[in-house]
């Protein structure tokens, strides 16, 4: 039976459902481990985030907001890590701070409230101080938040050297029913 006939016949049923606490604002699907969602209560001016198992809908955690205010958002999902941000001021869309959270446990891994996220690639996070563009980029380890150093010489690696050594990773579909291993997708 074709998919269109199954839809018309009403045989498709959701595998699970989740009721967000507030308006479901967005869902991030970039990790093979979890779905990350954002819920906002516009009357109370609160935002919280939640994490669900992709296959079962089991709630890993909910009600988390590491930036601590309405003015918060998600920079991105990178493997098991989620990077959140606040805003410098409510009336300007300049991101302020980086808050790394484990997407499965909900634990805060590290935070850098005076830095701004630029990019993430190969477990390295490109950052810039909030004070100004002239100060240049820095690099942090995604897992620990510590300054990233390359080689035994201890020289700070440059973004261009990382790009030369590591090709870009692109998301690929993950289907639990096909027997795929989410850990192999990293």
C-alpha atoms as a PDB file:
ATOM      1  CA  UNK A   1       0.000   0.000   0.000  1.00  0.00           C
ATOM      2  CA  UNK A   2       1.439   3.354  -0.991  1.00  0.00           C
ATOM      3  CA  UNK A   3       2.116   6.165   1.472  1.00  0.00           C
ATOM      4  CA  UNK A   4      -0.595   8.368  -0.016  1.00  0.00           C
ATOM      5  CA  UNK A   5      -3.171   5.590   0.402  1.00  0.00           C
ATOM      6  CA  UNK A   6      -2.041   5.020   4.015  1.00  0.00           C
ATOM      7  CA  UNK A   7      -2.471   8.728   4.750  1.00  0.00           C
ATOM      8  CA  UNK A   8      -5.917   8.820   3.149  1.00  0.00           C
ATOM      9  CA  UNK A   9      -6.910   5.614   4.909  1.00  0.00           C
ATOM     10  CA  UNK A  10      -5.901   7.065   8.253  1.00  0.00           C
ATOM     11  CA  UNK A  11      -3.497   4.243   9.106  1.00  0.00           C
ATOM     12  CA  UNK A  12      -0.569   6.495   9.956  1.00  0.00           C
ATOM     13  CA  UNK A  13      -0.267   7.134  13.668  1.00  0.00           C
ATOM     14  CA  UNK A  14       2.329   9.172  15.554  1.00  0.00           C
ATOM     15  CA  UNK A  15       4.916   7.072  17.365  1.00  0.00           C
ATOM     16  CA  UNK A  16       4.873   9.544  20.274  1.00  0.00           C
ATOM     17  CA  UNK A  17       3.876  13.092  21.150  1.00  0.00           C
ATOM     18  CA  UNK A  18       5.142  15.845  23.427  1.00  0.00           C
ATOM     19  CA  UNK A  19       3.211  18.786  24.865  1.00  0.00           C
ATOM     20  CA  UNK A  20       5.460  21.826  25.213  1.00  0.00           C
ATOM     21  CA  UNK A  21       5.085  24.133  28.213  1.00  0.00           C
ATOM     22  CA  UNK A  22       4.198  27.271  26.264  1.00  0.00           C
ATOM     23  CA  UNK A  23       4.325  27.943  22.554  1.00  0.00           C
ATOM     24  CA  UNK A  24       6.556  25.521  20.691  1.00  0.00           C
ATOM     25  CA  UNK A  25       8.981  27.982  19.134  1.00  0.00           C
ATOM     26  CA  UNK A  26      11.411  25.700  17.326  1.00  0.00           C
ATOM     27  CA  UNK A  27      12.841  22.182  17.189  1.00  0.00           C
ATOM     28  CA  UNK A  28      16.471  21.454  16.329  1.00  0.00           C
ATOM     29  CA  UNK A  29      17.069  18.076  14.686  1.00  0.00           C
ATOM     30  CA  UNK A  30      20.838  18.265  14.173  1.00  0.00           C
ATOM     31  CA  UNK A  31      21.843  15.488  16.569  1.00  0.00           C
ATOM     32  CA  UNK A  32      21.436  11.738  16.077  1.00  0.00           C
ATOM     33  CA  UNK A  33      20.908  11.462  19.862  1.00  0.00           C
ATOM     34  CA  UNK A  34      18.049  13.851  20.632  1.00  0.00           C
ATOM     35  CA  UNK A  35      15.617  16.500  19.436  1.00  0.00           C
ATOM     36  CA  UNK A  36      16.096  19.881  21.062  1.00  0.00           C
ATOM     37  CA  UNK A  37      13.054  22.087  21.454  1.00  0.00           C
ATOM     38  CA  UNK A  38      12.385  25.650  22.519  1.00  0.00           C
ATOM     39  CA  UNK A  39       9.145  26.708  24.211  1.00  0.00           C
ATOM     40  CA  UNK A  40       8.187  30.311  24.986  1.00  0.00           C
ATOM     41  CA  UNK A  41       5.511  31.729  27.239  1.00  0.00           C
ATOM     42  CA  UNK A  42       4.887  35.092  25.614  1.00  0.00           C
ATOM     43  CA  UNK A  43       2.733  36.459  28.446  1.00  0.00           C
ATOM     44  CA  UNK A  44       5.281  35.684  31.168  1.00  0.00           C
ATOM     45  CA  UNK A  45       8.253  36.430  28.867  1.00  0.00           C
ATOM     46  CA  UNK A  46       9.976  33.147  29.678  1.00  0.00           C
ATOM     47  CA  UNK A  47      11.791  30.676  27.468  1.00  0.00           C
ATOM     48  CA  UNK A  48      12.835  27.144  28.272  1.00  0.00           C
ATOM     49  CA  UNK A  49      14.388  24.321  26.342  1.00  0.00           C
ATOM     50  CA  UNK A  50      13.806  20.578  26.342  1.00  0.00           C
ATOM     51  CA  UNK A  51      15.456  17.462  24.955  1.00  0.00           C
ATOM     52  CA  UNK A  52      13.682  14.334  23.724  1.00  0.00           C
ATOM     53  CA  UNK A  53      14.838  10.923  22.567  1.00  0.00           C
ATOM     54  CA  UNK A  54      14.403  10.965  18.790  1.00  0.00           C
ATOM     55  CA  UNK A  55      12.906   7.489  18.552  1.00  0.00           C
ATOM     56  CA  UNK A  56      10.750   7.183  21.659  1.00  0.00           C
ATOM     57  CA  UNK A  57       9.885  10.771  22.586  1.00  0.00           C
ATOM     58  CA  UNK A  58      11.179  10.119  26.115  1.00  0.00           C
ATOM     59  CA  UNK A  59      11.916  13.406  27.876  1.00  0.00           C
ATOM     60  CA  UNK A  60      15.613  13.618  28.671  1.00  0.00           C
ATOM     61  CA  UNK A  61      15.202  17.034  30.303  1.00  0.00           C
ATOM     62  CA  UNK A  62      12.991  20.121  30.143  1.00  0.00           C
ATOM     63  CA  UNK A  63      12.717  23.583  31.680  1.00  0.00           C
ATOM     64  CA  UNK A  64      16.406  24.370  31.092  1.00  0.00           C
ATOM     65  CA  UNK A  65      17.597  27.877  30.210  1.00  0.00           C
ATOM     66  CA  UNK A  66      21.333  28.306  30.819  1.00  0.00           C
ATOM     67  CA  UNK A  67      21.279  31.950  29.671  1.00  0.00           C
ATOM     68  CA  UNK A  68      18.597  32.636  32.287  1.00  0.00           C
ATOM     69  CA  UNK A  69      16.300  35.093  30.529  1.00  0.00           C
ATOM     70  CA  UNK A  70      13.724  35.616  27.785  1.00  0.00           C
ATOM     71  CA  UNK A  71      16.588  36.912  25.678  1.00  0.00           C
ATOM     72  CA  UNK A  72      18.175  33.527  24.955  1.00  0.00           C
ATOM     73  CA  UNK A  73      18.514  31.226  21.988  1.00  0.00           C
ATOM     74  CA  UNK A  74      20.307  28.278  20.452  1.00  0.00           C
ATOM     75  CA  UNK A  75      23.514  28.744  18.480  1.00  0.00           C
ATOM     76  CA  UNK A  76      23.471  25.146  17.304  1.00  0.00           C
ATOM     77  CA  UNK A  77      23.522  21.443  18.052  1.00  0.00           C
ATOM     78  CA  UNK A  78      26.881  19.715  17.621  1.00  0.00           C
ATOM     79  CA  UNK A  79      26.806  15.965  18.315  1.00  0.00           C
ATOM     80  CA  UNK A  80      25.737  15.644  21.960  1.00  0.00           C
ATOM     81  CA  UNK A  81      26.450  19.305  22.749  1.00  0.00           C
ATOM     82  CA  UNK A  82      24.074  22.249  22.491  1.00  0.00           C
ATOM     83  CA  UNK A  83      25.432  25.801  22.463  1.00  0.00           C
ATOM     84  CA  UNK A  84      23.083  28.483  23.796  1.00  0.00           C
ATOM     85  CA  UNK A  85      23.480  32.271  23.854  1.00  0.00           C
ATOM     86  CA  UNK A  86      22.022  35.330  25.497  1.00  0.00           C
ATOM     87  CA  UNK A  87      21.806  38.789  23.939  1.00  0.00           C
ATOM     88  CA  UNK A  88      23.933  41.852  24.680  1.00  0.00           C
ATOM     89  CA  UNK A  89      20.810  44.030  24.945  1.00  0.00           C
ATOM     90  CA  UNK A  90      17.127  43.322  24.303  1.00  0.00           C
ATOM     91  CA  UNK A  91      16.919  45.830  21.457  1.00  0.00           C
ATOM     92  CA  UNK A  92      19.999  44.632  19.506  1.00  0.00           C
ATOM     93  CA  UNK A  93      20.383  41.166  18.014  1.00  0.00           C
ATOM     94  CA  UNK A  94      24.003  40.779  19.118  1.00  0.00           C
ATOM     95  CA  UNK A  95      24.616  37.437  20.785  1.00  0.00           C
ATOM     96  CA  UNK A  96      26.326  37.478  24.164  1.00  0.00           C
ATOM     97  CA  UNK A  97      27.771  34.511  25.968  1.00  0.00           C
ATOM     98  CA  UNK A  98      28.164  30.840  25.145  1.00  0.00           C
ATOM     99  CA  UNK A  99      26.609  28.167  27.328  1.00  0.00           C
ATOM    100  CA  UNK A 100      27.404  24.526  26.453  1.00  0.00           C
ATOM    101  CA  UNK A 101      24.918  21.909  27.632  1.00  0.00           C
ATOM    102  CA  UNK A 102      24.947  18.133  27.219  1.00  0.00           C
ATOM    103  CA  UNK A 103      21.881  17.430  25.086  1.00  0.00           C
ATOM    104  CA  UNK A 104      21.130  14.089  26.759  1.00  0.00           C
ATOM    105  CA  UNK A 105      21.784  14.861  30.452  1.00  0.00           C
ATOM    106  CA  UNK A 106      20.979  18.590  30.460  1.00  0.00           C
ATOM    107  CA  UNK A 107      24.147  19.281  32.459  1.00  0.00           C
ATOM    108  CA  UNK A 108      25.942  22.570  31.905  1.00  0.00           C
ATOM    109  CA  UNK A 109      29.345  21.611  30.483  1.00  0.00           C
ATOM    110  CA  UNK A 110      30.901  25.092  30.486  1.00  0.00           C
ATOM    111  CA  UNK A 111      30.062  28.738  29.939  1.00  0.00           C
ATOM    112  CA  UNK A 112      31.846  31.837  28.694  1.00  0.00           C
ATOM    113  CA  UNK A 113      29.509  34.806  29.349  1.00  0.00           C
ATOM    114  CA  UNK A 114      31.850  37.411  27.825  1.00  0.00           C
ATOM    115  CA  UNK A 115      32.466  35.676  24.508  1.00  0.00           C
ATOM    116  CA  UNK A 116      30.452  35.493  21.302  1.00  0.00           C
ATOM    117  CA  UNK A 117      30.018  32.349  19.202  1.00  0.00           C
ATOM    118  CA  UNK A 118      31.333  32.456  15.621  1.00  0.00           C
ATOM    119  CA  UNK A 119      31.448  28.849  14.359  1.00  0.00           C
ATOM    120  CA  UNK A 120      31.917  25.227  15.423  1.00  0.00           C
ATOM    121  CA  UNK A 121      33.754  22.561  13.479  1.00  0.00           C
ATOM    122  CA  UNK A 122      35.477  19.324  14.400  1.00  0.00           C
ATOM    123  CA  UNK A 123      35.015  19.845  18.140  1.00  0.00           C
ATOM    124  CA  UNK A 124      36.508  23.354  18.009  1.00  0.00           C
ATOM    125  CA  UNK A 125      34.447  26.493  18.711  1.00  0.00           C
ATOM    126  CA  UNK A 126      35.476  29.799  17.131  1.00  0.00           C
ATOM    127  CA  UNK A 127      34.804  32.723  19.477  1.00  0.00           C
ATOM    128  CA  UNK A 128      35.317  36.459  19.695  1.00  0.00           C
ATOM    129  CA  UNK A 129      35.347  38.698  22.783  1.00  0.00           C
ATOM    130  CA  UNK A 130      32.337  40.984  23.082  1.00  0.00           C
ATOM    131  CA  UNK A 131      34.583  44.015  23.451  1.00  0.00           C
ATOM    132  CA  UNK A 132      35.258  44.360  19.735  1.00  0.00           C
ATOM    133  CA  UNK A 133      36.166  42.929  16.392  1.00  0.00           C
ATOM    134  CA  UNK A 134      39.794  44.096  16.561  1.00  0.00           C
ATOM    135  CA  UNK A 135      40.639  41.557  19.264  1.00  0.00           C
ATOM    136  CA  UNK A 136      40.490  38.639  16.818  1.00  0.00           C
ATOM    137  CA  UNK A 137      39.230  35.120  17.130  1.00  0.00           C
ATOM    138  CA  UNK A 138      39.945  32.556  19.800  1.00  0.00           C
ATOM    139  CA  UNK A 139      39.361  28.824  19.778  1.00  0.00           C
ATOM    140  CA  UNK A 140      37.751  26.709  22.475  1.00  0.00           C
ATOM    141  CA  UNK A 141      37.452  22.967  22.882  1.00  0.00           C
ATOM    142  CA  UNK A 142      33.748  22.071  22.474  1.00  0.00           C
ATOM    143  CA  UNK A 143      33.834  19.413  25.206  1.00  0.00           C
ATOM    144  CA  UNK A 144      35.605  21.400  27.929  1.00  0.00           C
ATOM    145  CA  UNK A 145      35.423  25.085  26.975  1.00  0.00           C
ATOM    146  CA  UNK A 146      39.176  25.364  27.496  1.00  0.00           C
ATOM    147  CA  UNK A 147      41.297  27.313  25.068  1.00  0.00           C
ATOM    148  CA  UNK A 148      42.215  25.076  22.155  1.00  0.00           C
ATOM    149  CA  UNK A 149      45.914  24.596  21.571  1.00  0.00           C
ATOM    150  CA  UNK A 150      47.425  22.721  18.684  1.00  0.00           C
ATOM    151  CA  UNK A 151      50.480  20.531  18.933  1.00  0.00           C
ATOM    152  CA  UNK A 152      53.035  20.274  21.672  1.00  0.00           C
ATOM    153  CA  UNK A 153      54.321  23.806  21.062  1.00  0.00           C
ATOM    154  CA  UNK A 154      51.158  25.179  22.644  1.00  0.00           C
ATOM    155  CA  UNK A 155      50.539  27.681  19.846  1.00  0.00           C
ATOM    156  CA  UNK A 156      46.924  28.651  19.427  1.00  0.00           C
ATOM    157  CA  UNK A 157      45.665  26.995  16.273  1.00  0.00           C
ATOM    158  CA  UNK A 158      44.226  29.226  13.606  1.00  0.00           C
ATOM    159  CA  UNK A 159      40.821  28.606  12.007  1.00  0.00           C
ATOM    160  CA  UNK A 160      42.508  28.307   8.613  1.00  0.00           C
ATOM    161  CA  UNK A 161      44.730  25.465   9.851  1.00  0.00           C
ATOM    162  CA  UNK A 162      41.690  23.602  11.169  1.00  0.00           C
ATOM    163  CA  UNK A 163      39.922  24.028   7.835  1.00  0.00           C
ATOM    164  CA  UNK A 164      42.951  22.671   5.989  1.00  0.00           C
ATOM    165  CA  UNK A 165      43.155  19.568   8.197  1.00  0.00           C
ATOM    166  CA  UNK A 166      39.479  18.612   8.527  1.00  0.00           C
ATOM    167  CA  UNK A 167      36.898  18.372   5.788  1.00  0.00           C
ATOM    168  CA  UNK A 168      33.415  19.653   6.520  1.00  0.00           C
ATOM    169  CA  UNK A 169      30.982  17.219   8.118  1.00  0.00           C
ATOM    170  CA  UNK A 170      27.500  17.224   6.680  1.00  0.00           C
ATOM    171  CA  UNK A 171      24.462  15.782   8.441  1.00  0.00           C
ATOM    172  CA  UNK A 172      23.265  12.434   7.209  1.00  0.00           C
ATOM    173  CA  UNK A 173      19.912  10.779   7.768  1.00  0.00           C
ATOM    174  CA  UNK A 174      19.618   8.465  10.738  1.00  0.00           C
ATOM    175  CA  UNK A 175      16.918   5.870  10.904  1.00  0.00           C
ATOM    176  CA  UNK A 176      16.659   3.724  14.037  1.00  0.00           C
ATOM    177  CA  UNK A 177      14.619   1.185  12.086  1.00  0.00           C
ATOM    178  CA  UNK A 178      17.477   0.615   9.658  1.00  0.00           C
ATOM    179  CA  UNK A 179      19.707  -0.565  12.508  1.00  0.00           C
ATOM    180  CA  UNK A 180      22.001   2.453  12.283  1.00  0.00           C
ATOM    181  CA  UNK A 181      24.105   3.428  15.252  1.00  0.00           C
ATOM    182  CA  UNK A 182      23.768   7.095  16.293  1.00  0.00           C
ATOM    183  CA  UNK A 183      27.299   7.061  17.697  1.00  0.00           C
ATOM    184  CA  UNK A 184      28.623   6.150  14.248  1.00  0.00           C
ATOM    185  CA  UNK A 185      27.067   9.355  12.825  1.00  0.00           C
ATOM    186  CA  UNK A 186      29.582  11.543  14.674  1.00  0.00           C
END
